[in-house]
Amino acid sequence: MSADILQRIGWRAEALAWDSFQLTFQSMGLEGASAFGSAALRRIGPMTSVHRVARINMQRCFPNASKPELDRLLDRMWDNFGRLVGENPNMRHYRPEVYDERGEIAGEDIVLDLERQGQPYVLVAGHFANWEVMGAAIAKLNLNCNITYRHANNPLVDKRILDSRHAYGIKLLTAKGGVGAKELLLNLKQGMSVALMNDQKMNDGIAAPFFGHDAMTASGPAKMAMRFGAPIVPIGVRRIGGTRFRVTFYEPIPHSTLEDKSAAVLETVTGINKWVENRILEAPEQWFWVHRRWDKAIYRKDAGSSSSTSAGSI
């Protein structure tokens, strides 16, 4: 049997597992699935390898936090992430016509004014609360905005993910990568806005301070915004109780005015990182702590944790 046939069989098996997962959580309803996901991940999460990753990240950001404080934060993190797992198959409950039943939007005049002026902007976001709800809010406001996403390696699963996002109102989605980057540049040139996540490690990015430690950070959003004179508008989401969320648009992050291009990009990216830091400090349990934000060496079992000068206790 050829490798191509085996791959196709594997793709179909993964797609079947995906469909089963989706149907199982959809059958529970939104609230039931959210609660079940919380209970399951609070139990299973601490037994996974990424639990240690999350603890190391928290220790770097909150060096003065005690072990009991970190344990409580980790438990609340798994509560939030488990809820997200249960909620995502039920995102139809956040489509534009019913969004107001469970969602709030603040600061929308910032982007609506820019749209009325015909001014494209770059939305930057982070992995907070249930970040899918930000896309639902963009759809609710009917913004002229292309949203980036990380495509799945399995094309059958990738199509299912795209279809589910289109189902709750997202119109335009572009996969990350070389071709996607060119499409985003063309979008801005043609007057369309773009939305990107900017809180995870990017190996080919630039080293910018994050909680007192340099972290490889994507510079693409800042570079695109500076190239086209587009405002950098942060967008965040907060879980405000159960399956209710508030999506907030923030005042634009200033472009650096430094003459040196590299220094200007670094200063602008640092501003984005600072915005992410502030959102984490507001609700630390709602950030995606299980991502390896810093160098791999930090997460080796023989590596000691480093202190940060940026934050203290939780």
Protein backbone atom coordinates (compact mmCIF):
# COMPACT_ATOMS: atom_id res chain seq x y z
CA MET A 1 0.00 0.00 0.00
CA SER A 2 1.49 3.34 -1.05
CA ALA A 3 2.34 6.14 1.36
CA ASP A 4 -0.21 8.36 -0.40
CA ILE A 5 -3.04 5.91 0.23
CA LEU A 6 -2.01 5.47 3.86
CA GLN A 7 -1.99 9.22 4.30
CA ARG A 8 -5.48 9.52 2.85
CA ILE A 9 -6.74 6.79 5.16
CA GLY A 10 -5.16 8.62 8.09
CA TRP A 11 -6.80 11.87 7.05
CA ARG A 12 -10.21 10.20 6.88
CA ALA A 13 -9.74 8.59 10.28
CA GLU A 14 -8.79 11.95 11.79
CA ALA A 15 -11.78 13.60 10.13
CA LEU A 16 -14.08 10.92 11.55
CA ALA A 17 -12.63 11.50 15.02
CA TRP A 18 -13.13 15.25 14.55
CA ASP A 19 -16.76 14.76 13.53
CA SER A 20 -17.40 12.52 16.53
CA PHE A 21 -15.85 15.08 18.87
CA GLN A 22 -17.95 17.89 17.41
CA LEU A 23 -21.20 15.93 17.54
CA THR A 24 -20.58 14.79 21.11
CA PHE A 25 -20.14 18.34 22.41
CA GLN A 26 -22.94 19.73 20.24
CA SER A 27 -25.32 17.17 21.74
CA MET A 28 -24.60 18.60 25.21
CA GLY A 29 -25.66 22.12 24.26
CA LEU A 30 -23.46 25.18 24.81
CA GLU A 31 -23.69 25.46 28.60
CA GLY A 32 -23.46 21.72 29.16
CA ALA A 33 -20.46 21.34 26.85
CA SER A 34 -18.69 24.28 28.49
CA ALA A 35 -19.21 22.84 31.96
CA PHE A 36 -18.18 19.33 30.88
CA GLY A 37 -15.04 20.64 29.20
CA SER A 38 -14.12 22.51 32.37
CA ALA A 39 -14.58 19.46 34.58
CA ALA A 40 -12.65 17.21 32.20
CA LEU A 41 -9.66 19.51 31.67
CA ARG A 42 -9.36 20.44 35.35
CA ARG A 43 -8.89 16.72 35.97
CA ILE A 44 -6.85 15.71 32.92
CA GLY A 45 -4.86 18.89 32.29
CA PRO A 46 -2.53 18.61 35.32
CA MET A 47 -1.44 15.16 34.11
CA THR A 48 -0.21 16.44 30.74
CA SER A 49 3.28 17.66 29.83
CA VAL A 50 2.01 21.13 28.96
CA HIS A 51 0.93 21.63 32.58
CA ARG A 52 4.62 21.96 33.41
CA VAL A 53 5.08 24.36 30.48
CA ALA A 54 2.30 26.54 31.85
CA ARG A 55 3.82 26.53 35.34
CA ILE A 56 7.23 27.58 33.98
CA ASN A 57 5.62 30.41 32.01
CA MET A 58 3.75 31.58 35.10
CA GLN A 59 6.91 31.46 37.21
CA ARG A 60 8.69 33.68 34.68
CA CYS A 61 5.84 36.18 34.64
CA PHE A 62 5.02 36.04 38.37
CA PRO A 63 8.33 35.22 40.12
CA ASN A 64 7.04 36.20 43.55
CA ALA A 65 3.93 34.02 43.38
CA SER A 66 3.79 31.16 45.88
CA LYS A 67 3.21 27.54 44.85
CA PRO A 68 -0.39 27.57 46.17
CA GLU A 69 -1.05 30.75 44.15
CA LEU A 70 0.32 29.13 41.01
CA ASP A 71 -1.65 25.95 41.69
CA ARG A 72 -4.88 27.96 41.92
CA LEU A 73 -4.02 29.87 38.76
CA LEU A 74 -3.29 26.64 36.90
CA ASP A 75 -6.63 25.20 38.00
CA ARG A 76 -8.47 28.31 36.78
CA MET A 77 -6.51 28.15 33.52
CA TRP A 78 -7.69 24.59 32.90
CA ASP A 79 -11.24 25.65 33.77
CA ASN A 80 -11.13 28.34 31.08
CA PHE A 81 -9.41 26.18 28.49
CA GLY A 82 -11.75 23.26 29.11
CA ARG A 83 -14.72 25.56 28.61
CA LEU A 84 -13.22 26.72 25.31
CA VAL A 85 -12.88 23.09 24.18
CA GLY A 86 -16.57 22.49 24.87
CA GLU A 87 -17.74 25.81 23.45
CA ASN A 88 -16.01 25.72 20.09
CA PRO A 89 -18.23 22.99 18.58
CA ASN A 90 -21.18 25.19 19.64
CA MET A 91 -20.08 28.51 18.13
CA ARG A 92 -23.36 28.74 16.23
CA HIS A 93 -24.69 30.27 19.44
CA TYR A 94 -22.50 33.34 18.72
CA ARG A 95 -23.50 33.95 15.10
CA PRO A 96 -24.46 37.58 14.33
CA GLU A 97 -28.23 37.26 14.75
CA VAL A 98 -27.95 35.83 18.28
CA TYR A 99 -24.58 37.22 19.40
CA ASP A 100 -26.16 39.71 21.81
CA GLU A 101 -27.65 36.88 23.88
CA ARG A 102 -24.22 35.94 25.23
CA GLY A 103 -21.79 38.51 23.91
CA GLU A 104 -20.95 42.14 24.54
CA ILE A 105 -18.80 44.48 22.45
CA ALA A 106 -16.96 47.53 23.79
CA GLY A 107 -14.93 50.15 21.94
CA GLU A 108 -16.49 49.30 18.59
CA ASP A 109 -16.62 52.98 17.61
CA ILE A 110 -12.83 52.84 17.20
CA VAL A 111 -13.07 50.47 14.24
CA LEU A 112 -16.44 51.67 12.95
CA ASP A 113 -15.07 55.22 12.66
CA LEU A 114 -12.05 53.92 10.74
CA GLU A 115 -14.34 51.96 8.42
CA ARG A 116 -16.46 55.03 7.74
CA GLN A 117 -13.27 56.91 6.83
CA GLY A 118 -12.22 54.11 4.48
CA GLN A 119 -9.08 53.63 6.59
CA PRO A 120 -7.79 50.04 6.72
CA TYR A 121 -6.37 48.90 10.05
CA VAL A 122 -4.47 45.97 11.50
CA LEU A 123 -6.22 44.14 14.35
CA VAL A 124 -3.80 42.44 16.73
CA ALA A 125 -5.05 39.93 19.26
CA GLY A 126 -4.00 37.26 21.73
CA HIS A 127 -5.17 33.83 22.84
CA PHE A 128 -7.48 34.94 25.65
CA ALA A 129 -10.69 33.43 27.08
CA ASN A 130 -12.36 31.88 24.02
CA TRP A 131 -10.57 33.68 21.21
CA GLU A 132 -13.03 32.36 18.62
CA VAL A 133 -15.56 34.83 20.02
CA MET A 134 -13.46 37.70 18.66
CA GLY A 135 -14.16 36.44 15.15
CA ALA A 136 -17.85 36.27 16.01
CA ALA A 137 -17.75 39.91 17.15
CA ILE A 138 -16.02 40.94 13.92
CA ALA A 139 -18.80 39.16 12.03
CA LYS A 140 -21.47 40.80 14.21
CA LEU A 141 -20.11 44.26 13.32
CA ASN A 142 -19.78 43.22 9.66
CA LEU A 143 -16.25 44.62 9.52
CA ASN A 144 -14.37 44.64 6.22
CA CYS A 145 -11.63 42.48 7.68
CA ASN A 146 -9.68 39.36 6.68
CA ILE A 147 -8.86 37.08 9.61
CA THR A 148 -5.77 34.87 9.65
CA TYR A 149 -5.80 31.35 11.02
CA ARG A 150 -3.41 28.42 11.44
CA HIS A 151 -4.44 25.82 8.89
CA ALA A 152 -4.67 22.16 9.85
CA ASN A 153 -2.25 19.73 8.20
CA ASN A 154 -5.18 17.46 7.39
CA PRO A 155 -7.11 19.11 4.51
CA LEU A 156 -10.35 17.34 5.48
CA VAL A 157 -10.17 18.71 9.03
CA ASP A 158 -9.07 22.11 7.72
CA LYS A 159 -12.18 22.34 5.54
CA ARG A 160 -14.36 21.43 8.51
CA ILE A 161 -12.75 24.19 10.59
CA LEU A 162 -13.28 26.73 7.81
CA ASP A 163 -16.89 25.64 7.32
CA SER A 164 -17.61 25.95 11.05
CA ARG A 165 -16.19 29.47 11.14
CA HIS A 166 -18.14 30.52 8.09
CA ALA A 167 -21.25 29.10 9.78
CA TYR A 168 -21.00 31.56 12.66
CA GLY A 169 -20.48 34.53 10.40
CA ILE A 170 -16.79 34.87 9.51
CA LYS A 171 -16.57 35.73 5.82
CA LEU A 172 -12.87 35.99 5.03
CA LEU A 173 -10.15 33.70 6.34
CA THR A 174 -6.53 33.44 5.22
CA ALA A 175 -4.09 30.76 6.33
CA LYS A 176 -0.81 31.89 7.85
CA GLY A 177 2.33 31.50 5.76
CA GLY A 178 4.05 32.96 2.72
CA VAL A 179 1.06 32.97 0.39
CA GLY A 180 -1.20 34.21 3.18
CA ALA A 181 1.18 37.07 3.99
CA LYS A 182 1.08 38.23 0.36
CA GLU A 183 -2.70 38.14 0.45
CA LEU A 184 -2.78 40.28 3.60
CA LEU A 185 -0.48 42.86 2.00
CA LEU A 186 -2.78 42.96 -1.01
CA ASN A 187 -5.78 43.36 1.31
CA LEU A 188 -4.27 46.43 2.97
CA LYS A 189 -3.25 47.88 -0.38
CA GLN A 190 -6.85 47.53 -1.56
CA GLY A 191 -8.26 49.13 1.59
CA MET A 192 -9.28 46.00 3.50
CA SER A 193 -8.34 45.49 7.15
CA VAL A 194 -6.63 42.37 8.51
CA ALA A 195 -6.62 40.57 11.87
CA LEU A 196 -3.74 38.56 13.30
CA MET A 197 -2.76 36.85 16.54
CA ASN A 198 0.44 38.37 17.94
CA ASP A 199 1.11 36.71 21.29
CA GLN A 200 2.93 33.48 20.44
CA LYS A 201 6.53 32.57 19.69
CA MET A 202 7.65 33.23 16.12
CA ASN A 203 11.06 31.74 15.44
CA ASP A 204 11.71 34.03 12.48
CA GLY A 205 10.39 37.09 14.30
CA ILE A 206 12.37 39.54 16.42
CA ALA A 207 13.44 39.43 20.06
CA ALA A 208 11.22 41.84 21.99
CA PRO A 209 10.72 42.20 25.75
CA PHE A 210 7.82 40.27 27.24
CA PHE A 211 7.45 40.24 31.01
CA GLY A 212 11.08 41.29 31.35
CA HIS A 213 12.49 38.58 29.07
CA ASP A 214 13.22 38.77 25.36
CA ALA A 215 10.76 36.63 23.41
CA MET A 216 10.77 35.93 19.69
CA THR A 217 7.74 37.83 18.45
CA ALA A 218 6.10 38.16 15.04
CA SER A 219 7.01 41.50 13.50
CA GLY A 220 4.74 41.08 10.47
CA PRO A 221 1.69 42.89 11.88
CA ALA A 222 3.78 45.92 12.91
CA LYS A 223 5.65 46.00 9.59
CA MET A 224 2.44 45.79 7.56
CA ALA A 225 0.78 48.52 9.57
CA MET A 226 3.81 50.81 9.30
CA ARG A 227 4.19 50.17 5.57
CA PHE A 228 0.61 51.16 4.78
CA GLY A 229 0.11 53.75 7.53
CA ALA A 230 -2.61 51.56 9.03
CA PRO A 231 -3.56 51.98 12.70
CA ILE A 232 -2.70 49.00 14.92
CA VAL A 233 -5.93 48.31 16.81
CA PRO A 234 -5.78 45.71 19.60
CA ILE A 235 -8.79 43.49 20.13
CA GLY A 236 -9.28 41.39 23.25
CA VAL A 237 -11.90 39.10 24.74
CA ARG A 238 -12.78 38.40 28.37
CA ARG A 239 -14.95 35.66 29.81
CA ILE A 240 -17.35 37.51 32.08
CA GLY A 241 -19.23 34.51 33.44
CA GLY A 242 -20.00 31.04 32.14
CA THR A 243 -20.48 31.26 28.39
CA ARG A 244 -20.75 35.05 28.31
CA PHE A 245 -17.97 37.19 26.82
CA ARG A 246 -17.01 40.79 26.27
CA VAL A 247 -14.96 41.67 23.19
CA THR A 248 -13.13 44.99 23.44
CA PHE A 249 -11.46 47.13 20.79
CA TYR A 250 -8.68 49.29 22.25
CA GLU A 251 -7.14 52.59 21.22
CA PRO A 252 -4.50 52.11 18.50
CA ILE A 253 -0.93 51.31 19.50
CA PRO A 254 1.28 54.15 18.19
CA HIS A 255 3.70 53.49 15.35
CA SER A 256 7.28 54.24 16.33
CA THR A 257 8.68 57.47 14.89
CA LEU A 258 12.32 56.36 15.13
CA GLU A 259 14.25 56.93 11.91
CA ASP A 260 16.07 53.61 12.05
CA LYS A 261 13.66 51.10 10.51
CA SER A 262 14.71 48.09 12.60
CA ALA A 263 14.58 50.11 15.81
CA ALA A 264 11.16 51.46 14.85
CA VAL A 265 9.79 47.97 14.26
CA LEU A 266 11.19 46.77 17.59
CA GLU A 267 9.64 49.71 19.45
CA THR A 268 6.27 49.09 17.83
CA VAL A 269 6.38 45.33 18.51
CA THR A 270 7.35 46.10 22.11
CA GLY A 271 4.20 48.21 22.35
CA ILE A 272 2.12 45.27 21.17
CA ASN A 273 3.80 42.95 23.69
CA LYS A 274 3.09 45.45 26.45
CA TRP A 275 -0.58 45.48 25.51
CA VAL A 276 -0.62 41.66 25.72
CA GLU A 277 1.08 41.82 29.13
CA ASN A 278 -1.55 44.20 30.44
CA ARG A 279 -4.39 41.94 29.30
CA ILE A 280 -2.73 38.96 30.98
CA LEU A 281 -2.36 40.88 34.23
CA GLU A 282 -6.07 41.75 34.15
CA ALA A 283 -7.19 38.11 33.90
CA PRO A 284 -4.18 35.76 34.02
CA GLU A 285 -6.31 32.61 34.17
CA GLN A 286 -7.71 33.37 30.72
CA TRP A 287 -4.46 33.38 28.74
CA PHE A 288 -3.10 30.39 26.76
CA TRP A 289 -0.24 29.58 29.13
CA VAL A 290 0.53 26.14 27.65
CA HIS A 291 2.37 27.66 24.67
CA ARG A 292 6.19 27.62 24.76
CA ARG A 293 6.60 31.40 24.53
CA TRP A 294 10.36 31.46 25.15
CA ASP A 295 13.40 29.51 24.01
CA LYS A 296 13.21 25.71 24.19
CA ALA A 297 16.02 25.62 26.76
CA ILE A 298 13.73 27.30 29.29
CA TYR A 299 11.48 24.24 29.29
CA ARG A 300 14.13 21.54 29.70
CA LYS A 301 13.70 19.58 32.90
CA ASP A 302 17.18 20.52 34.07
CA ALA A 303 16.64 24.24 33.48
CA GLY A 304 15.96 26.49 36.45
CA SER A 305 13.30 29.16 36.27
CA SER A 306 14.40 32.72 35.67
CA SER A 307 13.09 35.67 37.55
CA SER A 308 11.36 38.54 35.85
CA THR A 309 11.56 42.19 36.70
CA SER A 310 8.24 42.92 35.01
CA ALA A 311 5.69 41.52 37.43
CA GLY A 312 5.44 40.08 40.89
CA SER A 313 2.63 38.25 42.61
CA ILE A 314 -0.56 37.28 40.87
